Amino acid sequence: MRKFISRAAALLLAGVMTAAVAGCGKNSDSEAKDTAKKWTELDQTQITEAMGLGWNLGNQLEASSGGLPSETCWGNPEITKELIDTIKAQGFKTVRIPVSYLDMIGDGPDYKIDTDWLDRVQEVVDYVVNNDMFAIVNMHGDGYYTVDHSWLLCAEDDDKQTEIKDKYGKVWTQIADRFKDYDQHLIFESMNEEFNNDYGKPDEKAYDNINAYNQIFVDSVRATGSNNEKRWLLLPGWNTNIEYTAGDDYNFKIPTDKGCKADGKRIMISVHYYDPFNFTIDENKTAKTQWGKYAVKNYDNWGQEDYVDSQMALLNEKFVSQGYPVVIGEFGAQDKTEKFADYNEFRRYWSEYLIKAAKKNGVVCVYWDNGYNGNKGFGIINRFDYTITQPDLIAGMMRAINSTDDYEIPSPAGYTEVRKSAKAS
């Protein structure tokens, strides 16, 4: 269930709000050509460093109702340039922009994307890239079995897959063509948490379809030419799960990239991190409110500091060391201060530890913000008035990304002793 956080948190936000969408499409051809000339080559080390710490514009352009995307239908206000300016001012260098298309895609054989919707996506992308930040643009809700009118479904039968793959390629061709002259600040992400809606081990046939989607994505983007021939492309494995993507016993395949004209690899790997689930998300009787070596009660027996270290080391060994940057496109722990007053200090410590370990292993982190502040929310900023709601959490995350590897992460306030069992391990 931890991989459904983006959808689950969105539904929560919708319920709460009920109770109390390089050059813009309007740019001239000369402006677009000028944008294309501004490309700066960034290799693996340079792009990882330049992306710094990221933030998700969650529950907005991927929000939908009855199959129709709408950036305000889950309770958030319209996205503004001021919001992105505020996020940059906090020190974030990357914004992930989840996007759903769903019924904004017309019928076959052309599968034309609604022009107004693509214009709005581009307008939001411009808020980011024109601010000298990196923008990650994906296809988000179209692959969820729990979203109305989703269609990018990896477990459908072979006859249906022919149609899905044709549609997928044509949709990404349109997106890529719209943005082909943008510079290195734009990164395309093929899909989100793509799997068969079963949280057990991956199904081999469904995984084959995910691998095929990633290959179609790479080929479609490269074929549009211009800067897309050298753009960094971000690809997930099964449900963005680290073990099912990096583990040797599973089926993730990095696509061939024959259309790439860059000097070096231009493929990134996408994973998410919400471990341990009982600490980061769960609000039921099994919920945990403390984490790590300073925890004294109500903590998990797994998923602690050593687990974070091992997961980041696995990503480094399998991908980073082979020339493929890794992006944790989502991570976060929801607010549980109603359950435990000191929770946010452990939440800060967890986030800071993850970012420090990720950075050490060449992995980029992008915080998941669903726009909801308060109990069960992931918000760090009020999107209505741009006030910062979690300054201590942001300060800890920025300390982790900006400090040297040997700095000591501050313990949760009021918890300074390392428990004996943690020392022994």
Protein backbone atom coordinates (compact mmCIF):
# COMPACT_ATOMS: atom_id res chain seq x y z
CA MET A 1 0.00 0.00 0.00
CA ARG A 2 2.90 2.38 0.52
CA LYS A 3 3.22 2.83 -3.23
CA PHE A 4 -0.28 4.25 -3.46
CA ILE A 5 0.58 7.26 -1.37
CA SER A 6 0.17 9.77 -4.17
CA ARG A 7 -3.33 8.51 -4.91
CA ALA A 8 -4.34 7.81 -1.32
CA ALA A 9 -3.17 11.16 -0.06
CA ALA A 10 -5.00 12.84 -2.90
CA LEU A 11 -8.27 11.19 -1.98
CA LEU A 12 -7.76 12.27 1.61
CA LEU A 13 -7.15 15.84 0.50
CA ALA A 14 -10.27 15.82 -1.65
CA GLY A 15 -12.39 14.60 1.26
CA VAL A 16 -11.01 17.20 3.63
CA MET A 17 -11.55 20.07 1.22
CA THR A 18 -15.10 18.94 0.43
CA ALA A 19 -15.97 18.82 4.09
CA ALA A 20 -14.88 22.28 5.33
CA VAL A 21 -3.99 20.82 -15.66
CA ALA A 22 12.01 26.96 -23.36
CA GLY A 23 9.23 28.23 -24.86
CA CYS A 24 5.57 28.40 -24.27
CA GLY A 25 3.13 27.19 -26.91
CA LYS A 26 2.55 30.86 -27.56
CA ASN A 27 6.23 31.45 -28.41
CA SER A 28 7.33 32.31 -31.90
CA ASP A 29 9.50 29.96 -33.96
CA SER A 30 12.47 32.27 -33.45
CA GLU A 31 12.07 32.07 -29.67
CA ALA A 32 11.91 28.28 -29.81
CA LYS A 33 15.08 28.13 -31.92
CA ASP A 34 16.82 30.46 -29.48
CA THR A 35 15.87 28.13 -26.62
CA ALA A 36 17.38 25.17 -28.46
CA LYS A 37 20.71 26.99 -28.76
CA LYS A 38 21.00 27.38 -25.00
CA TRP A 39 21.54 23.67 -24.32
CA THR A 40 24.30 22.94 -21.83
CA GLU A 41 25.77 19.46 -21.67
CA LEU A 42 25.62 17.90 -18.20
CA ASP A 43 27.14 14.49 -17.58
CA GLN A 44 26.01 12.09 -14.85
CA THR A 45 27.90 13.79 -12.04
CA GLN A 46 26.97 17.29 -13.18
CA ILE A 47 23.24 16.62 -13.60
CA THR A 48 23.03 14.89 -10.21
CA GLU A 49 24.72 17.81 -8.47
CA ALA A 50 22.74 20.44 -10.37
CA MET A 51 19.36 18.85 -9.55
CA GLY A 52 20.13 19.12 -5.84
CA LEU A 53 17.06 18.49 -3.70
CA GLY A 54 13.65 18.37 -5.37
CA TRP A 55 10.00 19.01 -4.51
CA ASN A 56 6.82 17.48 -5.94
CA LEU A 57 3.96 19.62 -7.21
CA GLY A 58 1.67 16.79 -6.10
CA ASN A 59 -2.10 16.47 -6.40
CA GLN A 60 -2.44 19.17 -9.04
CA LEU A 61 -1.86 18.36 -12.70
CA GLU A 62 -2.36 14.67 -11.97
CA ALA A 63 -5.62 15.31 -10.10
CA SER A 64 -8.74 14.05 -11.87
CA SER A 65 -12.45 13.47 -11.40
CA GLY A 66 -14.36 10.90 -13.41
CA GLY A 67 -11.41 10.52 -15.75
CA LEU A 68 -11.02 14.25 -16.44
CA PRO A 69 -7.83 15.93 -15.19
CA SER A 70 -8.25 19.22 -13.32
CA GLU A 71 -5.60 20.93 -11.20
CA THR A 72 -8.07 22.11 -8.54
CA CYS A 73 -10.44 19.15 -8.24
CA TRP A 74 -8.59 17.66 -5.25
CA GLY A 75 -8.76 20.89 -3.28
CA ASN A 76 -5.58 22.72 -4.23
CA PRO A 77 -5.65 26.23 -5.76
CA GLU A 78 -4.36 26.99 -9.25
CA ILE A 79 -0.61 26.73 -9.65
CA THR A 80 1.15 30.08 -9.82
CA LYS A 81 4.62 31.38 -10.58
CA GLU A 82 4.73 32.74 -7.03
CA LEU A 83 4.41 29.22 -5.65
CA ILE A 84 7.42 28.05 -7.66
CA ASP A 85 9.36 31.18 -6.68
CA THR A 86 8.67 30.41 -3.02
CA ILE A 87 9.84 26.81 -3.41
CA LYS A 88 13.06 27.98 -5.07
CA ALA A 89 13.65 30.46 -2.26
CA GLN A 90 13.67 27.55 0.21
CA GLY A 91 16.62 26.01 -1.64
CA PHE A 92 14.91 23.41 -3.87
CA LYS A 93 16.46 23.10 -7.33
CA THR A 94 14.12 20.57 -8.96
CA VAL A 95 10.33 20.38 -9.29
CA ARG A 96 8.66 17.14 -10.28
CA ILE A 97 5.40 17.84 -12.08
CA PRO A 98 3.11 14.79 -12.09
CA VAL A 99 0.63 14.97 -15.00
CA SER A 100 -2.42 12.86 -15.84
CA TYR A 101 -3.88 12.84 -19.35
CA LEU A 102 -6.73 10.30 -19.19
CA ASP A 103 -9.78 11.76 -20.99
CA MET A 104 -7.70 14.69 -22.24
CA ILE A 105 -6.56 12.17 -24.87
CA GLY A 106 -8.83 11.83 -27.89
CA ASP A 107 -9.83 8.68 -29.71
CA GLY A 108 -7.56 6.61 -31.92
CA PRO A 109 -5.88 6.34 -34.25
CA ASP A 110 -4.40 9.80 -33.53
CA TYR A 111 -4.97 9.98 -29.74
CA LYS A 112 -4.66 13.77 -29.85
CA ILE A 113 -4.07 15.48 -26.49
CA ASP A 114 -6.39 18.36 -25.67
CA THR A 115 -4.51 21.51 -26.72
CA ASP A 116 -5.62 23.62 -23.76
CA TRP A 117 -4.46 20.96 -21.32
CA LEU A 118 -1.05 20.63 -22.94
CA ASP A 119 -0.77 24.44 -22.98
CA ARG A 120 -1.40 24.50 -19.23
CA VAL A 121 1.18 21.80 -18.60
CA GLN A 122 3.66 23.82 -20.60
CA GLU A 123 2.83 27.01 -18.72
CA VAL A 124 3.62 25.29 -15.41
CA VAL A 125 6.82 23.81 -16.82
CA ASP A 126 7.83 27.33 -17.83
CA TYR A 127 7.37 28.56 -14.26
CA VAL A 128 10.09 26.08 -13.33
CA VAL A 129 12.62 26.10 -16.17
CA ASN A 130 12.47 29.87 -16.62
CA ASN A 131 13.40 30.05 -12.94
CA ASP A 132 16.63 28.12 -13.65
CA MET A 133 15.23 25.00 -11.96
CA PHE A 134 14.93 21.45 -13.26
CA ALA A 135 11.46 20.19 -14.21
CA ILE A 136 10.57 16.49 -14.24
CA VAL A 137 7.40 15.90 -16.28
CA ASN A 138 5.78 12.48 -16.22
CA MET A 139 2.63 10.55 -17.13
CA HIS A 140 1.13 9.91 -13.71
CA GLY A 141 -2.43 8.70 -13.13
CA ASP A 142 -2.92 7.02 -16.51
CA GLY A 143 -1.35 3.80 -15.19
CA TYR A 144 -3.32 3.36 -11.95
CA TYR A 145 -5.91 0.60 -11.70
CA THR A 146 -7.60 2.75 -9.04
CA VAL A 147 -8.08 5.85 -11.25
CA ASP A 148 -11.19 6.30 -13.38
CA HIS A 149 -10.57 5.84 -17.11
CA SER A 150 -6.91 4.85 -16.69
CA TRP A 151 -5.57 2.96 -19.67
CA LEU A 152 -1.81 2.33 -19.31
CA LEU A 153 -2.49 -1.01 -17.64
CA CYS A 154 0.33 -3.52 -17.74
CA ALA A 155 -1.75 -6.58 -16.81
CA GLU A 156 -4.24 -6.33 -19.69
CA ASP A 157 -4.23 -9.18 -22.23
CA ASP A 158 -2.12 -9.21 -25.39
CA ASP A 159 -4.87 -7.93 -27.69
CA LYS A 160 -5.37 -4.90 -25.46
CA GLN A 161 -1.62 -4.33 -25.15
CA THR A 162 -1.33 -3.66 -28.88
CA GLU A 163 -3.73 -0.74 -28.52
CA ILE A 164 -2.15 0.49 -25.27
CA LYS A 165 1.35 0.54 -26.73
CA ASP A 166 0.20 2.34 -29.89
CA LYS A 167 -1.60 4.97 -27.81
CA TYR A 168 1.31 5.35 -25.40
CA GLY A 169 3.81 6.01 -28.16
CA LYS A 170 1.58 8.55 -29.90
CA VAL A 171 0.82 10.43 -26.70
CA TRP A 172 4.47 10.70 -25.73
CA THR A 173 5.36 11.77 -29.27
CA GLN A 174 3.01 14.74 -28.89
CA ILE A 175 4.37 15.68 -25.46
CA ALA A 176 7.98 15.34 -26.59
CA ASP A 177 7.38 17.30 -29.78
CA ARG A 178 5.87 20.18 -27.80
CA PHE A 179 8.97 20.43 -25.59
CA LYS A 180 11.72 19.30 -27.97
CA ASP A 181 13.53 22.66 -28.04
CA TYR A 182 13.71 23.05 -24.25
CA ASP A 183 17.16 22.97 -22.71
CA GLN A 184 18.70 20.53 -20.22
CA HIS A 185 16.47 21.75 -17.37
CA LEU A 186 13.60 19.58 -18.64
CA ILE A 187 13.57 15.84 -17.89
CA PHE A 188 10.86 13.45 -19.09
CA GLU A 189 9.71 10.59 -16.84
CA SER A 190 7.97 7.77 -18.69
CA MET A 191 5.45 6.64 -16.06
CA ASN A 192 4.71 6.72 -12.34
CA GLU A 193 3.98 3.73 -10.08
CA GLU A 194 3.28 1.25 -12.86
CA PHE A 195 2.32 -2.30 -11.79
CA ASN A 196 -0.60 -4.74 -11.79
CA ASN A 197 -2.13 -3.50 -8.50
CA ASP A 198 -0.79 -6.54 -6.64
CA TYR A 199 1.75 -5.71 -3.92
CA GLY A 200 3.32 -9.15 -4.09
CA LYS A 201 6.27 -10.08 -6.26
CA PRO A 202 6.17 -8.81 -9.85
CA ASP A 203 4.25 -10.72 -12.48
CA GLU A 204 6.68 -11.60 -15.25
CA LYS A 205 4.35 -10.90 -18.17
CA ALA A 206 3.15 -7.58 -16.73
CA TYR A 207 6.77 -6.60 -16.09
CA ASP A 208 7.57 -7.37 -19.73
CA ASN A 209 4.91 -4.84 -20.69
CA ILE A 210 6.42 -2.21 -18.39
CA ASN A 211 9.80 -2.79 -20.01
CA ALA A 212 8.14 -2.46 -23.42
CA TYR A 213 6.50 0.83 -22.39
CA ASN A 214 9.87 2.23 -21.34
CA GLN A 215 11.39 1.23 -24.69
CA ILE A 216 8.51 2.84 -26.59
CA PHE A 217 8.94 5.98 -24.49
CA VAL A 218 12.65 6.28 -25.23
CA ASP A 219 12.20 5.63 -28.94
CA SER A 220 9.26 8.05 -29.24
CA VAL A 221 11.00 10.91 -27.44
CA ARG A 222 14.27 10.53 -29.36
CA ALA A 223 12.45 10.41 -32.71
CA THR A 224 11.11 13.96 -32.23
CA GLY A 225 14.61 15.33 -32.68
CA SER A 226 16.17 18.62 -31.55
CA ASN A 227 17.23 18.58 -27.88
CA ASN A 228 15.21 15.42 -27.27
CA GLU A 229 18.03 13.50 -28.96
CA LYS A 230 20.23 14.20 -25.93
CA ARG A 231 17.75 14.89 -23.13
CA TRP A 232 17.96 12.93 -19.86
CA LEU A 233 15.06 10.44 -19.63
CA LEU A 234 13.81 8.97 -16.34
CA LEU A 235 12.45 5.40 -16.22
CA PRO A 236 10.79 3.38 -13.41
CA GLY A 237 10.76 -0.32 -12.82
CA TRP A 238 7.97 -2.27 -11.13
CA ASN A 239 5.96 0.12 -8.94
CA THR A 240 9.09 2.26 -8.44
CA ASN A 241 10.08 -0.34 -5.85
CA ILE A 242 13.83 -0.41 -5.18
CA GLU A 243 14.15 -4.16 -4.68
CA TYR A 244 11.97 -5.00 -7.70
CA THR A 245 13.94 -2.56 -9.85
CA ALA A 246 17.50 -3.15 -8.66
CA GLY A 247 17.25 -6.73 -7.42
CA ASP A 248 18.84 -9.48 -9.51
CA ASP A 249 15.85 -11.81 -9.18
CA TYR A 250 13.43 -9.61 -11.09
CA ASN A 251 12.93 -8.42 -14.62
CA PHE A 252 13.76 -4.73 -15.00
CA LYS A 253 15.49 -3.95 -18.29
CA ILE A 254 17.14 -0.68 -19.22
CA PRO A 255 16.02 0.18 -22.77
CA THR A 256 18.37 0.48 -25.68
CA ASP A 257 18.90 4.13 -26.62
CA LYS A 258 19.98 4.09 -30.25
CA GLY A 259 18.36 7.47 -30.93
CA CYS A 260 20.52 9.25 -28.35
CA LYS A 261 22.98 11.67 -29.94
CA ALA A 262 24.69 12.71 -26.70
CA ASP A 263 28.23 11.77 -25.77
CA GLY A 264 27.42 9.30 -23.00
CA LYS A 265 24.35 7.77 -21.42
CA ARG A 266 21.16 9.77 -20.98
CA ILE A 267 19.00 7.33 -19.00
CA MET A 268 18.03 7.80 -15.34
CA ILE A 269 16.29 5.29 -13.06
CA SER A 270 13.21 6.27 -11.03
CA VAL A 271 12.34 4.80 -7.62
CA HIS A 272 10.27 5.94 -4.61
CA TYR A 273 11.00 5.66 -0.89
CA TYR A 274 8.34 5.38 1.85
CA ASP A 275 9.95 2.84 4.21
CA PRO A 276 9.00 1.79 6.78
CA PHE A 277 5.35 2.25 5.82
CA ASN A 278 4.11 2.11 9.41
CA PHE A 279 6.22 5.15 10.23
CA THR A 280 5.86 7.21 7.06
CA ILE A 281 2.18 6.68 6.21
CA ASP A 282 0.14 4.26 8.29
CA GLU A 283 -2.34 5.87 10.70
CA ASN A 284 -3.94 2.67 12.02
CA LYS A 285 -3.19 0.65 15.17
CA THR A 286 0.08 -0.52 13.63
CA ALA A 287 1.30 3.06 13.07
CA LYS A 288 4.75 3.93 14.40
CA THR A 289 5.63 7.40 15.62
CA GLN A 290 9.39 7.14 16.24
CA TRP A 291 12.21 6.08 13.93
CA GLY A 292 15.91 5.45 14.10
CA LYS A 293 18.56 4.90 16.73
CA TYR A 294 17.18 7.57 19.08
CA ALA A 295 13.69 6.04 19.22
CA VAL A 296 12.67 4.80 22.67
CA LYS A 297 9.19 3.43 21.99
CA ASN A 298 6.72 2.62 19.21
CA TYR A 299 9.29 2.09 16.46
CA ASP A 300 9.70 -0.61 13.81
CA ASN A 301 12.21 -3.43 14.04
CA TRP A 302 13.13 -2.96 10.39
CA GLY A 303 13.61 -0.10 7.94
CA GLN A 304 15.99 1.79 10.21
CA GLU A 305 19.30 3.54 9.41
CA ASP A 306 21.07 0.36 8.30
CA TYR A 307 18.24 -0.40 5.88
CA VAL A 308 18.43 3.07 4.33
CA ASP A 309 22.18 2.60 3.88
CA SER A 310 21.74 -0.80 2.23
CA GLN A 311 19.03 0.43 -0.16
CA MET A 312 21.09 3.42 -1.28
CA ALA A 313 24.17 1.23 -1.68
CA LEU A 314 22.14 -1.18 -3.84
CA LEU A 315 21.06 1.66 -6.12
CA ASN A 316 24.63 2.85 -6.40
CA GLU A 317 25.98 -0.60 -7.20
CA LYS A 318 23.32 -1.51 -9.74
CA PHE A 319 22.85 1.81 -11.54
CA VAL A 320 24.87 4.84 -10.42
CA SER A 321 28.23 3.07 -10.71
CA GLN A 322 27.22 1.95 -14.21
CA GLY A 323 26.54 5.50 -15.41
CA TYR A 324 22.80 5.71 -14.74
CA PRO A 325 21.73 8.42 -12.28
CA VAL A 326 18.97 7.43 -9.84
CA VAL A 327 16.14 9.75 -8.79
CA ILE A 328 13.97 9.03 -5.76
CA GLY A 329 11.03 10.78 -7.35
CA GLU A 330 8.95 10.60 -4.19
CA PHE A 331 9.80 10.32 -0.50
CA GLY A 332 8.17 11.65 2.62
CA ALA A 333 6.44 10.96 5.92
CA GLN A 334 3.00 12.39 6.59
CA ASP A 335 2.20 14.59 9.57
CA LYS A 336 1.23 12.54 12.65
CA THR A 337 1.57 15.23 15.31
CA GLU A 338 -2.05 14.67 16.36
CA LYS A 339 -1.00 11.17 17.36
CA PHE A 340 2.41 12.08 18.82
CA ALA A 341 3.55 15.63 19.52
CA ASP A 342 7.24 14.89 18.84
CA TYR A 343 6.59 13.11 15.54
CA ASN A 344 7.84 15.92 13.32
CA GLU A 345 11.29 15.74 14.91
CA PHE A 346 11.56 12.05 14.02
CA ARG A 347 10.10 12.85 10.61
CA ARG A 348 12.83 15.45 10.13
CA TYR A 349 15.52 13.02 11.28
CA TRP A 350 14.22 10.31 8.90
CA SER A 351 14.19 12.72 5.94
CA GLU A 352 17.62 14.11 6.74
CA TYR A 353 19.13 10.63 7.10
CA LEU A 354 17.66 9.48 3.78
CA ILE A 355 18.88 12.53 1.87
CA LYS A 356 22.37 12.29 3.35
CA ALA A 357 22.65 8.58 2.48
CA ALA A 358 21.23 9.15 -1.01
CA LYS A 359 23.61 12.01 -1.73
CA LYS A 360 26.57 9.90 -0.60
CA ASN A 361 25.55 7.28 -3.18
CA GLY A 362 24.88 9.71 -6.05
CA VAL A 363 21.09 9.52 -5.75
CA VAL A 364 18.77 12.53 -6.17
CA CYS A 365 15.81 12.96 -3.79
CA VAL A 366 12.49 14.71 -4.56
CA TYR A 367 10.17 15.34 -1.60
CA TRP A 368 6.50 14.36 -1.99
CA ASP A 369 4.17 17.29 -1.19
CA ASN A 370 0.45 16.71 -1.73
CA GLY A 371 -0.55 20.28 -0.89
CA TYR A 372 -2.28 19.27 2.33
CA ASN A 373 -1.03 20.69 5.63
CA GLY A 374 -2.10 19.15 8.91
CA ASN A 375 -2.90 15.66 10.13
CA LYS A 376 -1.91 13.04 7.52
CA GLY A 377 -0.63 15.73 5.17
CA PHE A 378 2.72 15.96 3.39
CA GLY A 379 2.58 19.71 2.79
CA ILE A 380 5.51 21.94 3.64
CA ILE A 381 3.98 25.09 2.13
CA ASN A 382 0.48 26.57 2.14
CA ARG A 383 -0.35 26.82 -1.56
CA PHE A 384 -3.03 29.44 -0.91
CA ASP A 385 -0.86 32.08 0.78
CA TYR A 386 2.69 30.67 0.26
CA THR A 387 3.57 30.52 3.94
CA ILE A 388 6.05 27.83 4.97
CA THR A 389 4.36 25.31 7.27
CA GLN A 390 7.31 22.99 8.04
CA PRO A 391 10.42 25.21 8.39
CA ASP A 392 12.29 22.72 10.60
CA LEU A 393 11.72 19.88 8.15
CA ILE A 394 12.94 22.02 5.25
CA ALA A 395 15.96 23.18 7.27
CA GLY A 396 16.92 19.56 8.00
CA MET A 397 16.55 18.52 4.36
CA MET A 398 18.63 21.46 3.18
CA ARG A 399 21.28 20.70 5.78
CA ALA A 400 21.51 17.16 4.40
CA ILE A 401 21.88 18.19 0.77
CA ASN A 402 24.26 21.08 1.39
CA SER A 403 26.59 19.64 4.04
CA THR A 404 29.64 17.43 3.60
CA ASP A 405 29.25 13.68 4.06
CA ASP A 406 30.89 13.70 7.49
CA TYR A 407 28.45 16.03 9.21
CA GLU A 408 26.47 14.63 12.15
CA ILE A 409 22.68 14.68 11.76
CA PRO A 410 21.12 16.32 14.83
CA SER A 411 19.07 13.91 16.93
CA PRO A 412 15.32 14.49 17.31
CA ALA A 413 14.89 17.32 19.81
CA GLY A 414 14.62 15.89 23.32
CA TYR A 415 16.02 12.48 22.30
CA THR A 416 19.80 12.46 22.59
CA GLU A 417 20.63 8.94 23.77
CA VAL A 418 21.21 6.11 21.32
CA ARG A 419 19.30 3.08 22.59
CA LYS A 420 21.32 -0.01 23.46
CA SER A 421 19.77 -2.25 20.82
CA ALA A 422 20.76 0.26 18.11
CA LYS A 423 24.34 0.36 19.43
CA ALA A 424 24.51 -3.43 19.33
CA SER A 425 23.39 -3.56 15.71
